[in-house]
Amino acid sequence: MTPRAPRLDDRDIAILATLSREGRIAKTELAARVNLSPTPCWDRMKRLEQAGLIRGYRAQIDLAAIGPHVQVFVTVELDSHRAESFQIFERTVARMEAVTGCWAIGGGYDYLLQVVARDVGAFQDLMDGLLESRAGVRRYFSYIVTKPVKDEAPATALLG
């Protein structure tokens, strides 16, 4: 059973929207932006965290500044569509550090993966290993990112 999300008011929405864009904002600045004093703002943040609406805070790293890499999106089709097959695939992918995102999707494919590897050869090694594993991959299609265009937090309208 999924826990019920708390009822959100305009200030909760403002807190979530601000934190999704600026996770390192000072608590006093956040309180000022949402028109609350620091203690009630902090209490709301804790309530939102405890309810699971805030899953964590992390930095967006400029991978190109660190060194060469390749980012690839991969659509995956499984051999079988039994529940056990999906569970095996998901457990396998969860252990793969280079897979930075994985979504079950509807339509012609079963999953969409986001992979970050040091180069195309490392990406291909990862996919060869996935095919050789017992993850049940029938086929996959890879799409190499040639230029990032937009990568932002969800719009405030989605939070309200």
N, C-alpha and C. Protein backbone atom coordinates (compact mmCIF):
# COMPACT_ATOMS: atom_id res chain seq x y z
N MET A 1 0.83 -1.17 0.00
CA MET A 1 0.00 0.00 0.00
C MET A 1 0.89 1.24 0.00
N THR A 2 0.63 2.19 -0.87
CA THR A 2 1.40 3.41 -0.98
C THR A 2 0.95 4.39 0.08
N PRO A 3 1.91 5.02 0.82
CA PRO A 3 1.48 6.00 1.81
C PRO A 3 0.82 7.19 1.13
N ARG A 4 -0.16 7.73 1.80
CA ARG A 4 -0.87 8.89 1.25
C ARG A 4 -0.05 10.14 1.40
N ALA A 5 0.07 10.89 0.33
CA ALA A 5 0.80 12.15 0.38
C ALA A 5 -0.01 13.15 1.21
N PRO A 6 0.68 13.97 1.98
CA PRO A 6 -0.05 14.97 2.76
C PRO A 6 -0.69 16.00 1.85
N ARG A 7 -1.71 16.64 2.34
CA ARG A 7 -2.34 17.72 1.59
C ARG A 7 -1.35 18.88 1.53
N LEU A 8 -1.12 19.37 0.34
CA LEU A 8 -0.14 20.43 0.13
C LEU A 8 -0.84 21.77 -0.06
N ASP A 9 -0.32 22.80 0.62
CA ASP A 9 -0.84 24.14 0.38
C ASP A 9 0.15 24.91 -0.49
N ASP A 10 -0.15 26.19 -0.75
CA ASP A 10 0.70 26.99 -1.63
C ASP A 10 2.13 27.11 -1.12
N ARG A 11 2.31 27.18 0.19
CA ARG A 11 3.67 27.31 0.73
C ARG A 11 4.44 26.00 0.57
N ASP A 12 3.78 24.87 0.77
CA ASP A 12 4.45 23.58 0.53
C ASP A 12 4.90 23.49 -0.92
N ILE A 13 4.02 23.89 -1.82
CA ILE A 13 4.36 23.86 -3.26
C ILE A 13 5.53 24.78 -3.53
N ALA A 14 5.53 25.95 -2.93
CA ALA A 14 6.63 26.90 -3.13
C ALA A 14 7.94 26.32 -2.59
N ILE A 15 7.89 25.66 -1.45
CA ILE A 15 9.10 25.02 -0.89
C ILE A 15 9.61 23.96 -1.85
N LEU A 16 8.74 23.08 -2.31
CA LEU A 16 9.15 22.01 -3.24
C LEU A 16 9.72 22.59 -4.53
N ALA A 17 9.06 23.59 -5.09
CA ALA A 17 9.51 24.18 -6.35
C ALA A 17 10.89 24.83 -6.17
N THR A 18 11.08 25.55 -5.09
CA THR A 18 12.36 26.22 -4.86
C THR A 18 13.47 25.19 -4.64
N LEU A 19 13.21 24.17 -3.83
CA LEU A 19 14.23 23.16 -3.57
C LEU A 19 14.56 22.34 -4.81
N SER A 20 13.59 22.14 -5.71
CA SER A 20 13.88 21.38 -6.92
C SER A 20 14.82 22.14 -7.84
N ARG A 21 14.82 23.45 -7.75
CA ARG A 21 15.73 24.27 -8.57
C ARG A 21 17.02 24.60 -7.84
N GLU A 22 16.93 24.78 -6.53
CA GLU A 22 18.07 25.26 -5.74
C GLU A 22 18.19 24.44 -4.45
N GLY A 23 18.69 23.22 -4.55
CA GLY A 23 18.76 22.33 -3.40
C GLY A 23 19.67 22.82 -2.29
N ARG A 24 20.61 23.70 -2.61
CA ARG A 24 21.55 24.18 -1.59
C ARG A 24 21.15 25.53 -1.02
N ILE A 25 19.97 25.99 -1.28
CA ILE A 25 19.55 27.28 -0.77
C ILE A 25 19.59 27.26 0.76
N ALA A 26 20.03 28.36 1.35
CA ALA A 26 20.05 28.46 2.81
C ALA A 26 18.62 28.42 3.33
N LYS A 27 18.46 27.80 4.48
CA LYS A 27 17.10 27.66 5.03
C LYS A 27 16.46 29.02 5.30
N THR A 28 17.26 29.98 5.74
CA THR A 28 16.69 31.32 5.99
C THR A 28 16.24 31.97 4.68
N GLU A 29 17.01 31.77 3.61
CA GLU A 29 16.62 32.31 2.30
C GLU A 29 15.36 31.63 1.79
N LEU A 30 15.29 30.31 1.95
CA LEU A 30 14.09 29.57 1.55
C LEU A 30 12.88 30.09 2.31
N ALA A 31 13.02 30.27 3.61
CA ALA A 31 11.91 30.78 4.43
C ALA A 31 11.45 32.14 3.93
N ALA A 32 12.40 33.01 3.60
CA ALA A 32 12.04 34.35 3.10
C ALA A 32 11.32 34.26 1.76
N ARG A 33 11.77 33.36 0.89
CA ARG A 33 11.13 33.23 -0.43
C ARG A 33 9.71 32.73 -0.36
N VAL A 34 9.41 31.89 0.63
CA VAL A 34 8.06 31.35 0.73
C VAL A 34 7.23 32.07 1.79
N ASN A 35 7.77 33.19 2.29
CA ASN A 35 7.06 34.06 3.22
C ASN A 35 6.71 33.35 4.54
N LEU A 36 7.70 32.67 5.10
CA LEU A 36 7.56 32.02 6.40
C LEU A 36 8.77 32.38 7.26
N SER A 37 8.63 32.26 8.56
CA SER A 37 9.80 32.38 9.43
C SER A 37 10.57 31.06 9.35
N PRO A 38 11.86 31.07 9.71
CA PRO A 38 12.69 29.87 9.52
C PRO A 38 12.17 28.60 10.21
N THR A 39 11.72 28.68 11.44
CA THR A 39 11.30 27.46 12.15
C THR A 39 10.10 26.78 11.48
N PRO A 40 9.01 27.49 11.18
CA PRO A 40 7.91 26.83 10.48
C PRO A 40 8.31 26.30 9.10
N CYS A 41 9.21 27.00 8.42
CA CYS A 41 9.67 26.54 7.10
C CYS A 41 10.43 25.23 7.28
N TRP A 42 11.33 25.19 8.28
CA TRP A 42 12.09 23.97 8.56
C TRP A 42 11.15 22.83 8.92
N ASP A 43 10.13 23.10 9.73
CA ASP A 43 9.15 22.06 10.10
C ASP A 43 8.44 21.51 8.86
N ARG A 44 8.07 22.39 7.94
CA ARG A 44 7.42 21.95 6.70
C ARG A 44 8.37 21.09 5.86
N MET A 45 9.63 21.52 5.77
CA MET A 45 10.61 20.73 5.00
C MET A 45 10.74 19.33 5.59
N LYS A 46 10.84 19.24 6.90
CA LYS A 46 10.96 17.93 7.56
C LYS A 46 9.72 17.08 7.29
N ARG A 47 8.54 17.70 7.35
CA ARG A 47 7.30 16.96 7.08
C ARG A 47 7.28 16.45 5.65
N LEU A 48 7.73 17.28 4.69
CA LEU A 48 7.77 16.88 3.29
C LEU A 48 8.79 15.76 3.07
N GLU A 49 9.92 15.82 3.78
CA GLU A 49 10.92 14.75 3.69
C GLU A 49 10.35 13.45 4.27
N GLN A 50 9.75 13.53 5.44
CA GLN A 50 9.21 12.33 6.11
C GLN A 50 8.09 11.69 5.29
N ALA A 51 7.34 12.52 4.55
CA ALA A 51 6.27 12.00 3.70
C ALA A 51 6.81 11.39 2.41
N GLY A 52 8.12 11.55 2.18
CA GLY A 52 8.72 10.98 0.97
C GLY A 52 8.59 11.87 -0.25
N LEU A 53 8.11 13.09 -0.08
CA LEU A 53 7.99 14.00 -1.23
C LEU A 53 9.34 14.59 -1.61
N ILE A 54 10.23 14.73 -0.65
CA ILE A 54 11.61 15.13 -0.92
C ILE A 54 12.45 13.89 -0.68
N ARG A 55 12.97 13.32 -1.76
CA ARG A 55 13.73 12.07 -1.66
C ARG A 55 15.20 12.29 -1.39
N GLY A 56 15.70 13.49 -1.61
CA GLY A 56 17.11 13.75 -1.36
C GLY A 56 17.55 15.03 -2.04
N TYR A 57 18.80 15.35 -1.83
CA TYR A 57 19.40 16.55 -2.40
C TYR A 57 20.69 16.13 -3.08
N ARG A 58 20.94 16.65 -4.28
CA ARG A 58 22.19 16.30 -4.95
C ARG A 58 22.60 17.42 -5.90
N ALA A 59 23.87 17.39 -6.22
CA ALA A 59 24.43 18.40 -7.13
C ALA A 59 24.33 17.91 -8.56
N GLN A 60 24.18 18.83 -9.50
CA GLN A 60 24.27 18.51 -10.92
C GLN A 60 25.72 18.72 -11.33
N ILE A 61 26.38 17.65 -11.70
CA ILE A 61 27.81 17.68 -12.02
C ILE A 61 27.99 17.89 -13.52
N ASP A 62 28.91 18.79 -13.88
CA ASP A 62 29.25 19.01 -15.28
C ASP A 62 30.28 17.95 -15.68
N LEU A 63 29.80 16.83 -16.21
CA LEU A 63 30.68 15.71 -16.54
C LEU A 63 31.74 16.09 -17.57
N ALA A 64 31.40 16.97 -18.50
CA ALA A 64 32.36 17.38 -19.53
C ALA A 64 33.56 18.10 -18.90
N ALA A 65 33.34 18.81 -17.80
CA ALA A 65 34.44 19.50 -17.13
C ALA A 65 35.36 18.52 -16.41
N ILE A 66 34.85 17.34 -16.05
CA ILE A 66 35.66 16.34 -15.36
C ILE A 66 36.51 15.57 -16.36
N GLY A 67 35.94 15.25 -17.50
CA GLY A 67 36.68 14.50 -18.50
C GLY A 67 35.77 13.94 -19.56
N PRO A 68 36.35 13.27 -20.55
CA PRO A 68 35.54 12.71 -21.63
C PRO A 68 34.55 11.67 -21.09
N HIS A 69 33.41 11.65 -21.72
CA HIS A 69 32.38 10.66 -21.37
C HIS A 69 31.38 10.60 -22.51
N VAL A 70 30.52 9.61 -22.45
CA VAL A 70 29.43 9.49 -23.41
C VAL A 70 28.16 9.23 -22.61
N GLN A 71 27.10 9.91 -22.99
CA GLN A 71 25.80 9.67 -22.37
C GLN A 71 24.92 9.03 -23.44
N VAL A 72 24.24 7.95 -23.07
CA VAL A 72 23.46 7.19 -24.03
C VAL A 72 22.10 6.86 -23.43
N PHE A 73 21.06 7.04 -24.22
CA PHE A 73 19.73 6.55 -23.84
C PHE A 73 19.51 5.26 -24.60
N VAL A 74 18.95 4.27 -23.92
CA VAL A 74 18.80 2.94 -24.49
C VAL A 74 17.37 2.46 -24.28
N THR A 75 16.71 2.06 -25.37
CA THR A 75 15.41 1.41 -25.23
C THR A 75 15.65 -0.09 -25.21
N VAL A 76 14.94 -0.77 -24.33
CA VAL A 76 15.16 -2.20 -24.12
C VAL A 76 13.85 -2.95 -24.25
N GLU A 77 13.89 -4.06 -24.97
CA GLU A 77 12.76 -4.98 -25.07
C GLU A 77 13.18 -6.30 -24.45
N LEU A 78 12.36 -6.84 -23.57
CA LEU A 78 12.67 -8.11 -22.92
C LEU A 78 12.12 -9.29 -23.72
N ASP A 79 12.74 -10.46 -23.51
CA ASP A 79 12.28 -11.70 -24.15
C ASP A 79 10.89 -12.09 -23.67
N SER A 80 10.67 -11.93 -22.38
CA SER A 80 9.43 -12.39 -21.76
C SER A 80 8.79 -11.24 -21.00
N HIS A 81 7.48 -11.28 -20.92
CA HIS A 81 6.76 -10.24 -20.20
C HIS A 81 6.08 -10.78 -18.94
N ARG A 82 6.71 -11.76 -18.33
CA ARG A 82 6.23 -12.28 -17.06
C ARG A 82 6.78 -11.38 -15.95
N ALA A 83 6.07 -11.31 -14.84
CA ALA A 83 6.49 -10.47 -13.72
C ALA A 83 7.90 -10.80 -13.27
N GLU A 84 8.23 -12.09 -13.24
CA GLU A 84 9.57 -12.52 -12.82
C GLU A 84 10.65 -11.96 -13.75
N SER A 85 10.37 -11.89 -15.03
CA SER A 85 11.34 -11.35 -15.99
C SER A 85 11.62 -9.88 -15.73
N PHE A 86 10.57 -9.12 -15.45
CA PHE A 86 10.75 -7.69 -15.14
C PHE A 86 11.57 -7.54 -13.86
N GLN A 87 11.29 -8.34 -12.86
CA GLN A 87 12.02 -8.26 -11.59
C GLN A 87 13.50 -8.59 -11.77
N ILE A 88 13.80 -9.62 -12.55
CA ILE A 88 15.20 -10.00 -12.80
C ILE A 88 15.93 -8.86 -13.52
N PHE A 89 15.30 -8.31 -14.55
CA PHE A 89 15.93 -7.21 -15.29
C PHE A 89 16.18 -6.03 -14.36
N GLU A 90 15.20 -5.65 -13.59
CA GLU A 90 15.33 -4.49 -12.72
C GLU A 90 16.40 -4.69 -11.65
N ARG A 91 16.51 -5.90 -11.10
CA ARG A 91 17.58 -6.18 -10.12
C ARG A 91 18.95 -6.11 -10.79
N THR A 92 19.05 -6.61 -12.01
CA THR A 92 20.32 -6.58 -12.74
C THR A 92 20.75 -5.14 -13.00
N VAL A 93 19.85 -4.33 -13.51
CA VAL A 93 20.16 -2.94 -13.84
C VAL A 93 20.49 -2.13 -12.58
N ALA A 94 19.81 -2.42 -11.48
CA ALA A 94 20.06 -1.69 -10.23
C ALA A 94 21.51 -1.84 -9.77
N ARG A 95 22.17 -2.92 -10.15
CA ARG A 95 23.56 -3.16 -9.75
C ARG A 95 24.57 -2.54 -10.72
N MET A 96 24.11 -1.97 -11.81
CA MET A 96 25.01 -1.43 -12.83
C MET A 96 25.24 0.07 -12.58
N GLU A 97 26.43 0.39 -12.12
CA GLU A 97 26.75 1.77 -11.75
C GLU A 97 26.62 2.75 -12.92
N ALA A 98 26.96 2.32 -14.13
CA ALA A 98 26.91 3.22 -15.29
C ALA A 98 25.48 3.55 -15.70
N VAL A 99 24.51 2.75 -15.27
CA VAL A 99 23.11 3.05 -15.55
C VAL A 99 22.65 4.06 -14.51
N THR A 100 22.45 5.30 -14.95
CA THR A 100 22.10 6.38 -14.02
C THR A 100 20.61 6.62 -13.95
N GLY A 101 19.85 6.03 -14.83
CA GLY A 101 18.40 6.14 -14.80
C GLY A 101 17.79 4.95 -15.51
N CYS A 102 16.66 4.48 -15.00
CA CYS A 102 15.95 3.37 -15.64
C CYS A 102 14.47 3.57 -15.39
N TRP A 103 13.69 3.54 -16.46
CA TRP A 103 12.25 3.74 -16.36
C TRP A 103 11.53 2.63 -17.12
N ALA A 104 10.52 2.03 -16.49
CA ALA A 104 9.61 1.13 -17.20
C ALA A 104 8.70 2.02 -18.03
N ILE A 105 8.52 1.69 -19.30
CA ILE A 105 7.73 2.56 -20.18
C ILE A 105 6.67 1.76 -20.92
N GLY A 106 5.65 2.45 -21.35
CA GLY A 106 4.61 1.84 -22.19
C GLY A 106 4.93 2.12 -23.64
N GLY A 107 4.34 1.36 -24.51
CA GLY A 107 4.60 1.55 -25.94
C GLY A 107 5.33 0.35 -26.48
N GLY A 108 6.20 0.57 -27.44
CA GLY A 108 6.87 -0.53 -28.11
C GLY A 108 8.00 -1.18 -27.34
N TYR A 109 8.52 -0.51 -26.32
CA TYR A 109 9.65 -1.05 -25.57
C TYR A 109 9.25 -1.20 -24.11
N ASP A 110 10.07 -1.92 -23.36
CA ASP A 110 9.77 -2.17 -21.96
C ASP A 110 10.45 -1.18 -21.03
N TYR A 111 11.67 -0.76 -21.37
CA TYR A 111 12.44 0.12 -20.48
C TYR A 111 13.19 1.17 -21.29
N LEU A 112 13.46 2.28 -20.62
CA LEU A 112 14.35 3.31 -21.13
C LEU A 112 15.46 3.46 -20.10
N LEU A 113 16.70 3.29 -20.56
CA LEU A 113 17.85 3.43 -19.68
C LEU A 113 18.61 4.69 -20.02
N GLN A 114 19.21 5.29 -19.02
CA GLN A 114 20.15 6.38 -19.21
C GLN A 114 21.50 5.85 -18.72
N VAL A 115 22.51 5.92 -19.58
CA VAL A 115 23.82 5.36 -19.27
C VAL A 115 24.87 6.44 -19.45
N VAL A 116 25.79 6.52 -18.50
CA VAL A 116 26.95 7.40 -18.64
C VAL A 116 28.19 6.53 -18.52
N ALA A 117 29.01 6.55 -19.57
CA ALA A 117 30.24 5.75 -19.61
C ALA A 117 31.40 6.63 -20.07
N ARG A 118 32.61 6.15 -19.85
CA ARG A 118 33.77 6.99 -20.20
C ARG A 118 33.95 7.13 -21.71
N ASP A 119 33.48 6.13 -22.48
CA ASP A 119 33.57 6.22 -23.94
C ASP A 119 32.63 5.18 -24.55
N VAL A 120 32.54 5.16 -25.87
CA VAL A 120 31.63 4.24 -26.56
C VAL A 120 32.02 2.80 -26.30
N GLY A 121 33.33 2.52 -26.23
CA GLY A 121 33.79 1.16 -25.95
C GLY A 121 33.31 0.67 -24.58
N ALA A 122 33.38 1.53 -23.58
CA ALA A 122 32.92 1.16 -22.24
C ALA A 122 31.40 0.95 -22.24
N PHE A 123 30.69 1.77 -23.00
CA PHE A 123 29.25 1.59 -23.13
C PHE A 123 28.95 0.23 -23.77
N GLN A 124 29.66 -0.11 -24.84
CA GLN A 124 29.42 -1.37 -25.53
C GLN A 124 29.75 -2.56 -24.64
N ASP A 125 30.81 -2.44 -23.83
CA ASP A 125 31.14 -3.50 -22.88
C ASP A 125 30.00 -3.70 -21.89
N LEU A 126 29.43 -2.61 -21.42
CA LEU A 126 28.30 -2.68 -20.50
C LEU A 126 27.13 -3.41 -21.14
N MET A 127 26.81 -3.05 -22.38
CA MET A 127 25.67 -3.67 -23.06
C MET A 127 25.96 -5.14 -23.38
N ASP A 128 27.19 -5.46 -23.75
CA ASP A 128 27.55 -6.86 -23.99
C ASP A 128 27.34 -7.67 -22.71
N GLY A 129 27.76 -7.10 -21.58
CA GLY A 129 27.57 -7.78 -20.31
C GLY A 129 26.10 -7.96 -19.98
N LEU A 130 25.29 -6.96 -20.28
CA LEU A 130 23.85 -7.07 -20.03
C LEU A 130 23.23 -8.16 -20.90
N LEU A 131 23.65 -8.23 -22.16
CA LEU A 131 23.14 -9.28 -23.05
C LEU A 131 23.57 -10.68 -22.60
N GLU A 132 24.77 -10.79 -22.09
CA GLU A 132 25.28 -12.09 -21.65
C GLU A 132 24.71 -12.52 -20.30
N SER A 133 24.21 -11.56 -19.53
CA SER A 133 23.63 -11.88 -18.22
C SER A 133 22.29 -12.59 -18.44
N ARG A 134 21.68 -12.96 -17.37
CA ARG A 134 20.36 -13.61 -17.46
C ARG A 134 19.24 -12.58 -17.27
N ALA A 135 19.49 -11.34 -17.72
CA ALA A 135 18.52 -10.28 -17.54
C ALA A 135 17.35 -10.37 -18.52
N GLY A 136 17.46 -11.19 -19.56
CA GLY A 136 16.34 -11.41 -20.47
C GLY A 136 16.15 -10.36 -21.54
N VAL A 137 17.22 -9.69 -21.96
CA VAL A 137 17.11 -8.66 -22.99
C VAL A 137 16.98 -9.32 -24.36
N ARG A 138 15.90 -9.02 -25.08
CA ARG A 138 15.72 -9.51 -26.45
C ARG A 138 16.51 -8.64 -27.40
N ARG A 139 16.32 -7.32 -27.29
CA ARG A 139 17.05 -6.40 -28.15
C ARG A 139 17.05 -5.02 -27.51
N TYR A 140 17.95 -4.19 -27.99
CA TYR A 140 18.02 -2.82 -27.49
C TYR A 140 18.42 -1.89 -28.63
N PHE A 141 18.08 -0.63 -28.46
CA PHE A 141 18.48 0.41 -29.40
C PHE A 141 19.12 1.52 -28.59
N SER A 142 20.28 1.99 -29.04
CA SER A 142 21.00 3.02 -28.30
C SER A 142 20.99 4.34 -29.06
N TYR A 143 20.91 5.42 -28.27
CA TYR A 143 20.86 6.78 -28.81
C TYR A 143 21.89 7.61 -28.07
N ILE A 144 22.99 7.92 -28.74
CA ILE A 144 24.07 8.68 -28.11
C ILE A 144 23.71 10.16 -28.08
N VAL A 145 23.87 10.75 -26.93
CA VAL A 145 23.61 12.19 -26.78
C VAL A 145 24.75 12.95 -27.42
N THR A 146 24.42 13.79 -28.38
CA THR A 146 25.44 14.59 -29.06
C THR A 146 25.55 16.00 -28.48
N LYS A 147 24.46 16.46 -27.84
CA LYS A 147 24.49 17.79 -27.24
C LYS A 147 23.33 17.89 -26.24
N PRO A 148 23.64 18.22 -25.00
CA PRO A 148 22.53 18.45 -24.06
C PRO A 148 21.83 19.76 -24.42
N VAL A 149 20.52 19.73 -24.44
CA VAL A 149 19.76 20.92 -24.80
C VAL A 149 19.02 21.49 -23.59
N LYS A 150 18.40 20.62 -22.80
CA LYS A 150 17.66 21.09 -21.62
C LYS A 150 17.62 19.98 -20.59
N ASP A 151 17.90 20.34 -19.34
CA ASP A 151 17.85 19.39 -18.23
C ASP A 151 17.53 20.20 -16.98
N GLU A 152 16.26 20.29 -16.64
CA GLU A 152 15.84 21.14 -15.54
C GLU A 152 14.91 20.40 -14.61
N ALA A 153 14.69 20.98 -13.45
CA ALA A 153 13.75 20.45 -12.47
C ALA A 153 12.32 20.60 -13.01
N PRO A 154 11.38 19.83 -12.50
CA PRO A 154 9.99 19.96 -12.95
C PRO A 154 9.46 21.38 -12.76
N ALA A 155 8.57 21.76 -13.64
CA ALA A 155 7.98 23.09 -13.58
C ALA A 155 7.12 23.22 -12.32
N THR A 156 7.05 24.43 -11.79
CA THR A 156 6.22 24.70 -10.63
C THR A 156 4.78 24.28 -10.87
N ALA A 157 4.29 24.43 -12.09
CA ALA A 157 2.90 24.07 -12.41
C ALA A 157 2.63 22.60 -12.16
N LEU A 158 3.64 21.75 -12.35
CA LEU A 158 3.46 20.31 -12.10
C LEU A 158 3.33 20.03 -10.61
N LEU A 159 3.90 20.87 -9.80
CA LEU A 159 3.87 20.66 -8.36
C LEU A 159 2.57 21.14 -7.75
N GLY A 160 1.80 21.90 -8.48
CA GLY A 160 0.56 22.46 -7.92
C GLY A 160 -0.58 21.74 -8.46
